[in-house]
Protein backbone atom coordinates (compact mmCIF):
# COMPACT_ATOMS: atom_id res chain seq x y z
CA UNK A 1 117.06 84.13 93.01
CA UNK A 2 114.11 81.98 93.69
CA UNK A 3 114.10 79.29 96.12
CA UNK A 4 110.44 77.50 96.57
CA UNK A 5 108.70 80.01 97.71
CA UNK A 6 110.77 83.33 97.96
CA UNK A 7 112.42 85.29 95.63
CA UNK A 8 115.32 87.43 96.81
CA UNK A 9 115.23 90.74 95.89
CA UNK A 10 119.06 92.44 97.18
CA UNK A 11 118.60 96.35 99.08
CA UNK A 12 121.73 97.71 100.60
CA UNK A 13 124.89 96.67 102.64
CA UNK A 14 126.87 98.52 105.23
CA UNK A 15 130.40 98.12 106.24
CA UNK A 16 130.98 99.62 109.61
CA UNK A 17 133.68 98.13 112.61
CA UNK A 18 135.57 98.21 114.12
CA UNK A 19 134.03 95.31 116.08
CA UNK A 20 135.03 95.98 120.18
CA UNK A 21 136.05 92.37 120.91
CA UNK A 22 138.68 91.26 117.93
CA UNK A 23 138.72 94.62 115.85
CA UNK A 24 137.59 93.70 112.33
CA UNK A 25 135.06 95.25 110.41
CA UNK A 26 131.31 93.93 110.24
CA UNK A 27 129.15 94.01 107.35
CA UNK A 28 125.06 94.03 107.68
CA UNK A 29 123.69 92.85 104.23
CA UNK A 30 119.61 93.64 103.36
CA UNK A 31 117.34 93.22 101.07
CA UNK A 32 113.35 91.77 100.28
CA UNK A 33 111.47 88.72 100.53
CA UNK A 34 108.81 89.05 97.63
CA UNK A 35 105.88 86.09 97.37
CA UNK A 36 104.47 86.71 93.93
CA UNK A 37 106.49 89.96 93.34
CA UNK A 38 105.19 91.50 96.56
CA UNK A 39 106.86 91.86 99.40
CA UNK A 40 106.23 89.48 102.10
CA UNK A 41 109.86 90.23 104.91
CA UNK A 42 112.49 92.87 104.70
CA UNK A 43 115.25 90.75 105.81
CA UNK A 44 118.78 91.92 107.44
CA UNK A 45 122.07 89.93 108.17
CA UNK A 46 124.80 90.87 110.10
CA UNK A 47 128.08 89.49 110.54
CA UNK A 48 131.73 90.31 111.63
CA UNK A 49 134.17 90.01 108.31
CA UNK A 50 136.67 86.96 108.88
CA UNK A 51 135.22 86.29 112.42
CA UNK A 52 131.69 84.01 111.46
CA UNK A 53 133.39 80.96 112.97
CA UNK A 54 133.90 82.66 116.43
CA UNK A 55 130.86 85.25 116.11
CA UNK A 56 128.60 83.83 114.39
CA UNK A 57 125.89 85.95 112.41
CA UNK A 58 122.29 87.53 112.81
CA UNK A 59 118.96 87.41 110.69
CA UNK A 60 116.29 89.67 111.06
CA UNK A 61 112.93 88.83 109.60
CA UNK A 62 110.63 91.81 109.75
CA UNK A 63 107.51 90.02 108.11
CA UNK A 64 104.25 91.41 108.00
CA UNK A 65 102.15 93.27 105.78
CA UNK A 66 103.96 96.06 102.97
CA UNK A 67 102.95 98.41 100.46
CA UNK A 68 100.12 101.02 100.81
CA UNK A 69 97.99 101.86 103.67
CA UNK A 70 100.32 99.46 106.08
CA UNK A 71 102.46 100.45 109.10
CA UNK A 72 104.84 98.78 111.77
CA UNK A 73 101.98 97.71 113.54
CA UNK A 74 100.75 95.46 110.59
CA UNK A 75 104.55 93.67 110.71
CA UNK A 76 106.72 91.50 113.37
CA UNK A 77 110.18 90.57 113.88
CA UNK A 78 111.70 87.31 114.01
CA UNK A 79 115.60 86.99 115.21
CA UNK A 80 117.50 84.65 114.79
CA UNK A 81 121.26 83.72 115.47
CA UNK A 82 123.26 81.30 113.04
CA UNK A 83 126.47 80.10 115.07
CA UNK A 84 128.93 77.25 113.36
CA UNK A 85 128.77 74.13 115.76
CA UNK A 86 131.34 71.22 115.17
CA UNK A 87 131.63 72.29 111.78
CA UNK A 88 128.28 72.20 110.97
CA UNK A 89 125.67 75.67 110.72
CA UNK A 90 122.79 76.16 112.68
CA UNK A 91 120.32 78.46 113.38
CA UNK A 92 118.27 79.58 116.36
CA UNK A 93 115.36 81.33 116.75
CA UNK A 94 116.05 84.19 119.58
CA UNK A 95 114.31 87.15 121.01
CA UNK A 96 113.92 89.67 118.88
CA UNK A 97 113.64 92.82 121.73
CA UNK A 98 117.19 92.71 121.69
CA UNK A 99 118.37 93.48 118.47
CA UNK A 100 119.17 96.80 116.83
CA UNK A 101 115.90 96.24 114.44
CA UNK A 102 113.67 96.20 117.45
CA UNK A 103 114.80 99.33 118.75
CA UNK A 104 114.08 101.60 116.42
CA UNK A 105 110.54 100.74 115.87
CA UNK A 106 110.19 102.15 112.24
CA UNK A 107 109.68 98.82 110.57
CA UNK A 108 107.51 97.41 113.26
CA UNK A 109 106.37 97.72 116.84
CA UNK A 110 106.30 94.24 117.56
CA UNK A 111 109.83 91.83 117.69
CA UNK A 112 108.74 88.22 119.20
CA UNK A 113 110.44 86.53 121.77
CA UNK A 114 111.66 83.08 121.06
CA UNK A 115 108.66 81.16 122.90
CA UNK A 116 106.21 83.08 120.44
CA UNK A 117 108.34 81.94 117.20
CA UNK A 118 108.85 78.09 118.21
CA UNK A 119 106.27 75.46 117.61
CA UNK A 120 103.79 78.00 115.22
CA UNK A 121 103.71 78.11 111.78
CA UNK A 122 105.47 81.57 112.02
CA UNK A 123 108.49 79.34 112.61
CA UNK A 124 108.32 77.21 109.68
CA UNK A 125 107.64 79.90 107.22
CA UNK A 126 110.87 82.38 109.24
CA UNK A 127 113.02 79.23 108.53
CA UNK A 128 111.19 78.99 105.05
CA UNK A 129 112.76 82.52 104.51
CA UNK A 130 116.35 82.15 106.20
CA UNK A 131 116.81 79.36 103.59
CA UNK A 132 115.82 81.70 100.55
CA UNK A 133 118.03 83.90 101.96
CA UNK A 134 121.13 81.60 102.45
CA UNK A 135 120.59 79.94 99.20
CA UNK A 136 119.55 83.32 96.93
CA UNK A 137 122.02 85.96 98.70
CA UNK A 138 125.24 85.46 96.85
CA UNK A 139 126.74 88.73 99.43
CA UNK A 140 126.60 86.15 102.28
CA UNK A 141 128.97 83.85 101.29
CA UNK A 142 131.58 84.30 103.82
CA UNK A 143 128.91 82.32 106.16
CA UNK A 144 129.33 79.20 104.51
CA UNK A 145 132.92 79.22 103.68
CA UNK A 146 133.87 79.49 107.27
CA UNK A 147 132.91 76.20 108.25
CA UNK A 148 135.78 74.85 110.66
């Protein structure tokens, strides 16, 4: 499905658990954000099933150059926390270094801090990507259904 600039290409999903805090299983889905048919980013969305209202969700974006000749040094990680506050969905850029995707170093060697993203053109791009995922990936429908 297309959003103004990005097309979503779903790739995989994984259920695992249980969550040590609540005992529910968690789900992670991932895919690609394409611009003009070329990968602009890889995304991961993670949440605990049936607990979005109190656990929230995580959106991790690996943004940069993809394809032949590219390396993890060509890409950065932007992490966003999704929470439901007063019944409304909210996203906040967080430090990416603490996210599991940043620890492997396989996709990117550069997890960005919140202060490296906020107030920059990259912030606008990251939020546009999250909008595209929100609209285009029906696997995350549970996130919007749990607004209280």
